[in-house]
Amino acid sequence: MIENPKYANLEMDENEKIEVLGKIRKLSRYSFLKTRVEQQIDLWKRKLDEEKKLFGDVILTDEEIKYNEINQKIYDLALARLKPKEEEAKYKMPDGYEDEKGHTDYDKKYSVLFKKYKDDKKEVEENEEQAWEKTQKMRTGNKIGAQNVKKPADQYQMLIDNQIDFVQKDVLKGYMEKQKKEKKSKSNFN
């Protein structure tokens, strides 16, 4: 039964009730998702702030620095996604080039041709290809200075959970190979 006062006095058959309930569920889900996204972004921001407070004056390893940069980038991208875009990529009908008397305004007509060449103060967003080219230029660029000097953060390595397993497998593999070689050498002497 629908408890909304707007629909309480309306006579509806079962199909109409199911349809209205489906729409209400969808609206409820959208509002839930909107608040959930805001909560998650707030939680992420608090996590980043707490990490800055705790590790702000500590020398971090390169892996930890990269990890923090990635987390900050994720947060920035999530915020950018929530902000409404000012200029959407929708088609806009062009203005008419003729005035009320039927005369053509050539300045207005040809201004469309030169519109993309005008130097606007707006920042142009990079597309995927431009971003890739930029990273390629940075990778191939000449690096000047002492490249082999270790940073203080290089003294320590970040411990990965499954790193111990990898080391253990390598050690066991080497041990097993050593035993096989010993057995072969013993069998050759016999």
C-alpha atoms as a PDB file:
ATOM      1  CA  MET A   1       0.000   0.000   0.000  1.00  0.00           C
ATOM      2  CA  ILE A   2       1.263   3.435  -0.865  1.00  0.00           C
ATOM      3  CA  GLU A   3       1.502   5.699   2.187  1.00  0.00           C
ATOM      4  CA  ASN A   4       2.211   8.937   0.356  1.00  0.00           C
ATOM      5  CA  PRO A   5      -0.751  11.304   0.955  1.00  0.00           C
ATOM      6  CA  LYS A   6      -0.746  12.394  -2.681  1.00  0.00           C
ATOM      7  CA  TYR A   7      -1.496   8.868  -3.803  1.00  0.00           C
ATOM      8  CA  ALA A   8      -3.588   7.712  -0.821  1.00  0.00           C
ATOM      9  CA  ASN A   9      -6.919   8.816  -2.262  1.00  0.00           C
ATOM     10  CA  LEU A  10      -6.187   7.768  -5.842  1.00  0.00           C
ATOM     11  CA  GLU A  11      -7.713   4.639  -7.198  1.00  0.00           C
ATOM     12  CA  MET A  12      -4.992   2.592  -8.880  1.00  0.00           C
ATOM     13  CA  ASP A  13      -4.950  -0.903 -10.227  1.00  0.00           C
ATOM     14  CA  GLU A  14      -2.045  -3.242  -9.501  1.00  0.00           C
ATOM     15  CA  ASN A  15      -0.094  -2.420 -12.693  1.00  0.00           C
ATOM     16  CA  GLU A  16      -0.191   1.321 -11.985  1.00  0.00           C
ATOM     17  CA  LYS A  17       0.926   0.739  -8.394  1.00  0.00           C
ATOM     18  CA  ILE A  18       3.862  -1.384  -9.575  1.00  0.00           C
ATOM     19  CA  GLU A  19       4.838   1.283 -12.106  1.00  0.00           C
ATOM     20  CA  VAL A  20       4.656   4.093  -9.529  1.00  0.00           C
ATOM     21  CA  LEU A  21       6.613   2.043  -6.982  1.00  0.00           C
ATOM     22  CA  GLY A  22       9.309   1.372  -9.581  1.00  0.00           C
ATOM     23  CA  LYS A  23       9.671   5.091 -10.221  1.00  0.00           C
ATOM     24  CA  ILE A  24       9.768   5.831  -6.489  1.00  0.00           C
ATOM     25  CA  ARG A  25      12.458   3.168  -5.982  1.00  0.00           C
ATOM     26  CA  LYS A  26      14.527   4.628  -8.793  1.00  0.00           C
ATOM     27  CA  LEU A  27      14.297   8.148  -7.327  1.00  0.00           C
ATOM     28  CA  SER A  28      15.159   6.829  -3.895  1.00  0.00           C
ATOM     29  CA  ARG A  29      18.181   4.997  -5.306  1.00  0.00           C
ATOM     30  CA  TYR A  30      19.419   8.139  -7.084  1.00  0.00           C
ATOM     31  CA  SER A  31      19.169  10.207  -3.904  1.00  0.00           C
ATOM     32  CA  PHE A  32      20.933   7.472  -1.926  1.00  0.00           C
ATOM     33  CA  LEU A  33      23.761   7.245  -4.463  1.00  0.00           C
ATOM     34  CA  LYS A  34      24.195  11.006  -4.464  1.00  0.00           C
ATOM     35  CA  THR A  35      24.594  11.145  -0.691  1.00  0.00           C
ATOM     36  CA  ARG A  36      26.771   8.007  -0.715  1.00  0.00           C
ATOM     37  CA  VAL A  37      29.204   9.535  -3.210  1.00  0.00           C
ATOM     38  CA  GLU A  38      29.455  12.700  -1.115  1.00  0.00           C
ATOM     39  CA  GLN A  39      30.095  10.619   2.008  1.00  0.00           C
ATOM     40  CA  GLN A  40      32.817   8.565   0.312  1.00  0.00           C
ATOM     41  CA  ILE A  41      34.567  11.662  -1.013  1.00  0.00           C
ATOM     42  CA  ASP A  42      34.437  13.246   2.444  1.00  0.00           C
ATOM     43  CA  LEU A  43      35.849  10.035   3.930  1.00  0.00           C
ATOM     44  CA  TRP A  44      38.651   9.997   1.339  1.00  0.00           C
ATOM     45  CA  LYS A  45      39.490  13.635   2.109  1.00  0.00           C
ATOM     46  CA  ARG A  46      39.644  12.932   5.841  1.00  0.00           C
ATOM     47  CA  LYS A  47      41.896   9.930   5.158  1.00  0.00           C
ATOM     48  CA  LEU A  48      44.297  12.079   3.131  1.00  0.00           C
ATOM     49  CA  ASP A  49      44.320  14.802   5.780  1.00  0.00           C
ATOM     50  CA  GLU A  50      45.025  12.267   8.518  1.00  0.00           C
ATOM     51  CA  GLU A  51      47.923  10.765   6.546  1.00  0.00           C
ATOM     52  CA  LYS A  52      49.376  14.245   6.047  1.00  0.00           C
ATOM     53  CA  LYS A  53      49.145  14.923   9.781  1.00  0.00           C
ATOM     54  CA  LEU A  54      50.709  11.598  10.748  1.00  0.00           C
ATOM     55  CA  PHE A  55      53.453  11.403   8.111  1.00  0.00           C
ATOM     56  CA  GLY A  56      53.951  15.072   7.253  1.00  0.00           C
ATOM     57  CA  ASP A  57      57.351  15.407   8.897  1.00  0.00           C
ATOM     58  CA  VAL A  58      58.590  11.852   8.182  1.00  0.00           C
ATOM     59  CA  ILE A  59      60.869  11.010   5.272  1.00  0.00           C
ATOM     60  CA  LEU A  60      58.905   8.741   2.940  1.00  0.00           C
ATOM     61  CA  THR A  61      60.145   6.171   0.441  1.00  0.00           C
ATOM     62  CA  ASP A  62      59.578   6.627  -3.274  1.00  0.00           C
ATOM     63  CA  GLU A  63      56.825   4.005  -3.230  1.00  0.00           C
ATOM     64  CA  GLU A  64      55.032   5.763  -0.406  1.00  0.00           C
ATOM     65  CA  ILE A  65      55.347   9.114  -2.162  1.00  0.00           C
ATOM     66  CA  LYS A  66      53.887   7.627  -5.347  1.00  0.00           C
ATOM     67  CA  TYR A  67      51.118   5.983  -3.335  1.00  0.00           C
ATOM     68  CA  ASN A  68      50.205   9.311  -1.722  1.00  0.00           C
ATOM     69  CA  GLU A  69      50.285  11.087  -5.096  1.00  0.00           C
ATOM     70  CA  ILE A  70      47.968   8.491  -6.605  1.00  0.00           C
ATOM     71  CA  ASN A  71      45.531   8.824  -3.702  1.00  0.00           C
ATOM     72  CA  GLN A  72      45.558  12.618  -4.060  1.00  0.00           C
ATOM     73  CA  LYS A  73      44.956  12.318  -7.811  1.00  0.00           C
ATOM     74  CA  ILE A  74      42.008   9.971  -7.224  1.00  0.00           C
ATOM     75  CA  TYR A  75      40.511  12.464  -4.798  1.00  0.00           C
ATOM     76  CA  ASP A  76      41.004  15.369  -7.227  1.00  0.00           C
ATOM     77  CA  LEU A  77      39.432  13.405 -10.087  1.00  0.00           C
ATOM     78  CA  ALA A  78      36.428  12.466  -7.956  1.00  0.00           C
ATOM     79  CA  LEU A  79      35.918  16.123  -7.014  1.00  0.00           C
ATOM     80  CA  ALA A  80      36.249  17.213 -10.635  1.00  0.00           C
ATOM     81  CA  ARG A  81      33.674  14.632 -11.667  1.00  0.00           C
ATOM     82  CA  LEU A  82      31.148  15.990  -9.195  1.00  0.00           C
ATOM     83  CA  LYS A  83      31.505  19.590 -10.297  1.00  0.00           C
ATOM     84  CA  PRO A  84      29.046  20.517 -13.006  1.00  0.00           C
ATOM     85  CA  LYS A  85      30.675  21.416 -16.270  1.00  0.00           C
ATOM     86  CA  GLU A  86      30.096  24.999 -17.306  1.00  0.00           C
ATOM     87  CA  GLU A  87      30.319  24.396 -20.997  1.00  0.00           C
ATOM     88  CA  GLU A  88      28.872  21.095 -22.086  1.00  0.00           C
ATOM     89  CA  ALA A  89      29.540  19.669 -25.495  1.00  0.00           C
ATOM     90  CA  LYS A  90      26.026  20.119 -26.813  1.00  0.00           C
ATOM     91  CA  TYR A  91      25.051  21.357 -30.198  1.00  0.00           C
ATOM     92  CA  LYS A  92      24.006  24.984 -30.246  1.00  0.00           C
ATOM     93  CA  MET A  93      21.897  26.311 -33.064  1.00  0.00           C
ATOM     94  CA  PRO A  94      23.774  29.058 -34.870  1.00  0.00           C
ATOM     95  CA  ASP A  95      22.378  32.567 -34.819  1.00  0.00           C
ATOM     96  CA  GLY A  96      20.764  33.877 -37.947  1.00  0.00           C
ATOM     97  CA  TYR A  97      22.896  36.025 -40.230  1.00  0.00           C
ATOM     98  CA  GLU A  98      20.068  38.106 -41.586  1.00  0.00           C
ATOM     99  CA  ASP A  99      18.403  41.017 -39.877  1.00  0.00           C
ATOM    100  CA  GLU A 100      14.688  41.797 -39.882  1.00  0.00           C
ATOM    101  CA  LYS A 101      14.821  43.430 -43.307  1.00  0.00           C
ATOM    102  CA  GLY A 102      16.536  40.428 -44.919  1.00  0.00           C
ATOM    103  CA  HIS A 103      19.993  41.964 -45.234  1.00  0.00           C
ATOM    104  CA  THR A 104      22.935  39.634 -44.549  1.00  0.00           C
ATOM    105  CA  ASP A 105      25.333  40.638 -41.794  1.00  0.00           C
ATOM    106  CA  TYR A 106      28.657  39.431 -43.208  1.00  0.00           C
ATOM    107  CA  ASP A 107      30.654  40.229 -40.059  1.00  0.00           C
ATOM    108  CA  LYS A 108      28.431  37.906 -38.070  1.00  0.00           C
ATOM    109  CA  LYS A 109      28.477  35.278 -40.800  1.00  0.00           C
ATOM    110  CA  TYR A 110      32.256  35.131 -41.148  1.00  0.00           C
ATOM    111  CA  SER A 111      32.981  35.490 -37.431  1.00  0.00           C
ATOM    112  CA  VAL A 112      32.105  31.797 -37.098  1.00  0.00           C
ATOM    113  CA  LEU A 113      35.076  30.926 -39.311  1.00  0.00           C
ATOM    114  CA  PHE A 114      37.537  32.765 -37.103  1.00  0.00           C
ATOM    115  CA  LYS A 115      35.967  31.917 -33.759  1.00  0.00           C
ATOM    116  CA  LYS A 116      38.282  28.989 -33.027  1.00  0.00           C
ATOM    117  CA  TYR A 117      41.363  31.132 -33.707  1.00  0.00           C
ATOM    118  CA  LYS A 118      40.496  33.774 -31.146  1.00  0.00           C
ATOM    119  CA  ASP A 119      42.730  33.677 -28.112  1.00  0.00           C
ATOM    120  CA  ASP A 120      40.424  33.076 -25.178  1.00  0.00           C
ATOM    121  CA  LYS A 121      41.683  33.201 -21.622  1.00  0.00           C
ATOM    122  CA  LYS A 122      40.088  29.812 -20.875  1.00  0.00           C
ATOM    123  CA  GLU A 123      42.272  26.818 -20.148  1.00  0.00           C
ATOM    124  CA  VAL A 124      41.968  24.158 -22.775  1.00  0.00           C
ATOM    125  CA  GLU A 125      41.611  20.658 -21.407  1.00  0.00           C
ATOM    126  CA  GLU A 126      44.079  18.112 -22.719  1.00  0.00           C
ATOM    127  CA  ASN A 127      42.692  15.211 -24.629  1.00  0.00           C
ATOM    128  CA  GLU A 128      44.145  11.740 -24.254  1.00  0.00           C
ATOM    129  CA  GLU A 129      46.543  12.088 -27.182  1.00  0.00           C
ATOM    130  CA  GLN A 130      47.961  15.392 -25.941  1.00  0.00           C
ATOM    131  CA  ALA A 131      48.494  13.950 -22.460  1.00  0.00           C
ATOM    132  CA  TRP A 132      50.301  10.937 -23.945  1.00  0.00           C
ATOM    133  CA  GLU A 133      52.547  13.193 -26.053  1.00  0.00           C
ATOM    134  CA  LYS A 134      53.375  15.282 -23.001  1.00  0.00           C
ATOM    135  CA  THR A 135      54.411  12.216 -20.983  1.00  0.00           C
ATOM    136  CA  GLN A 136      56.504  10.923 -23.891  1.00  0.00           C
ATOM    137  CA  LYS A 137      58.355  14.243 -24.126  1.00  0.00           C
ATOM    138  CA  MET A 138      59.031  14.169 -20.389  1.00  0.00           C
ATOM    139  CA  ARG A 139      60.386  10.614 -20.609  1.00  0.00           C
ATOM    140  CA  THR A 140      62.744  11.364 -23.492  1.00  0.00           C
ATOM    141  CA  GLY A 141      63.960  14.685 -22.130  1.00  0.00           C
ATOM    142  CA  ASN A 142      67.567  15.155 -21.089  1.00  0.00           C
ATOM    143  CA  LYS A 143      68.204  14.935 -17.393  1.00  0.00           C
ATOM    144  CA  ILE A 144      70.920  17.177 -16.049  1.00  0.00           C
ATOM    145  CA  GLY A 145      72.646  16.748 -12.724  1.00  0.00           C
ATOM    146  CA  ALA A 146      73.685  13.907 -10.491  1.00  0.00           C
ATOM    147  CA  GLN A 147      71.408  11.038 -11.432  1.00  0.00           C
ATOM    148  CA  ASN A 148      73.038   8.379  -9.295  1.00  0.00           C
ATOM    149  CA  VAL A 149      72.693  10.165  -5.939  1.00  0.00           C
ATOM    150  CA  LYS A 150      70.347   8.309  -3.628  1.00  0.00           C
ATOM    151  CA  LYS A 151      67.607  10.199  -1.913  1.00  0.00           C
ATOM    152  CA  PRO A 152      67.211   9.728   1.848  1.00  0.00           C
ATOM    153  CA  ALA A 153      63.924   7.993   1.132  1.00  0.00           C
ATOM    154  CA  ASP A 154      65.763   5.241  -0.813  1.00  0.00           C
ATOM    155  CA  GLN A 155      67.215   3.808   2.404  1.00  0.00           C
ATOM    156  CA  TYR A 156      64.060   1.857   3.162  1.00  0.00           C
ATOM    157  CA  GLN A 157      61.713  -0.205   1.054  1.00  0.00           C
ATOM    158  CA  MET A 158      57.999  -0.552   1.459  1.00  0.00           C
ATOM    159  CA  LEU A 159      57.104  -4.051   2.692  1.00  0.00           C
ATOM    160  CA  ILE A 160      54.511  -5.702   0.498  1.00  0.00           C
ATOM    161  CA  ASP A 161      52.254  -8.351   2.062  1.00  0.00           C
ATOM    162  CA  ASN A 162      53.105 -11.129  -0.361  1.00  0.00           C
ATOM    163  CA  GLN A 163      56.777 -10.191  -0.745  1.00  0.00           C
ATOM    164  CA  ILE A 164      57.775 -12.758   1.853  1.00  0.00           C
ATOM    165  CA  ASP A 165      56.114 -15.502  -0.198  1.00  0.00           C
ATOM    166  CA  PHE A 166      58.117 -14.510  -3.294  1.00  0.00           C
ATOM    167  CA  VAL A 167      61.400 -14.558  -1.390  1.00  0.00           C
ATOM    168  CA  GLN A 168      60.540 -17.877   0.233  1.00  0.00           C
ATOM    169  CA  LYS A 169      59.740 -19.477  -3.143  1.00  0.00           C
ATOM    170  CA  ASP A 170      63.002 -18.226  -4.637  1.00  0.00           C
ATOM    171  CA  VAL A 171      65.010 -19.533  -1.682  1.00  0.00           C
ATOM    172  CA  LEU A 172      63.283 -22.925  -1.769  1.00  0.00           C
ATOM    173  CA  LYS A 173      63.755 -23.149  -5.530  1.00  0.00           C
ATOM    174  CA  GLY A 174      67.483 -22.514  -5.171  1.00  0.00           C
ATOM    175  CA  TYR A 175      67.707 -25.032  -2.331  1.00  0.00           C
ATOM    176  CA  MET A 176      65.893 -27.702  -4.360  1.00  0.00           C
ATOM    177  CA  GLU A 177      68.173 -27.129  -7.351  1.00  0.00           C
ATOM    178  CA  LYS A 178      71.221 -27.468  -5.102  1.00  0.00           C
ATOM    179  CA  GLN A 179      69.937 -30.806  -3.783  1.00  0.00           C
ATOM    180  CA  LYS A 180      69.304 -32.076  -7.342  1.00  0.00           C
ATOM    181  CA  LYS A 181      72.848 -31.166  -8.353  1.00  0.00           C
ATOM    182  CA  GLU A 182      74.236 -33.006  -5.314  1.00  0.00           C
ATOM    183  CA  LYS A 183      72.201 -36.134  -6.154  1.00  0.00           C
ATOM    184  CA  LYS A 184      73.442 -36.055  -9.769  1.00  0.00           C
ATOM    185  CA  SER A 185      77.048 -35.692  -8.649  1.00  0.00           C
ATOM    186  CA  LYS A 186      76.639 -38.614  -6.216  1.00  0.00           C
ATOM    187  CA  SER A 187      75.051 -40.794  -8.903  1.00  0.00           C
ATOM    188  CA  ASN A 188      77.912 -39.983 -11.306  1.00  0.00           C
ATOM    189  CA  PHE A 189      80.490 -41.137  -8.728  1.00  0.00           C
ATOM    190  CA  ASN A 190      78.643 -44.422  -8.093  1.00  0.00           C
END
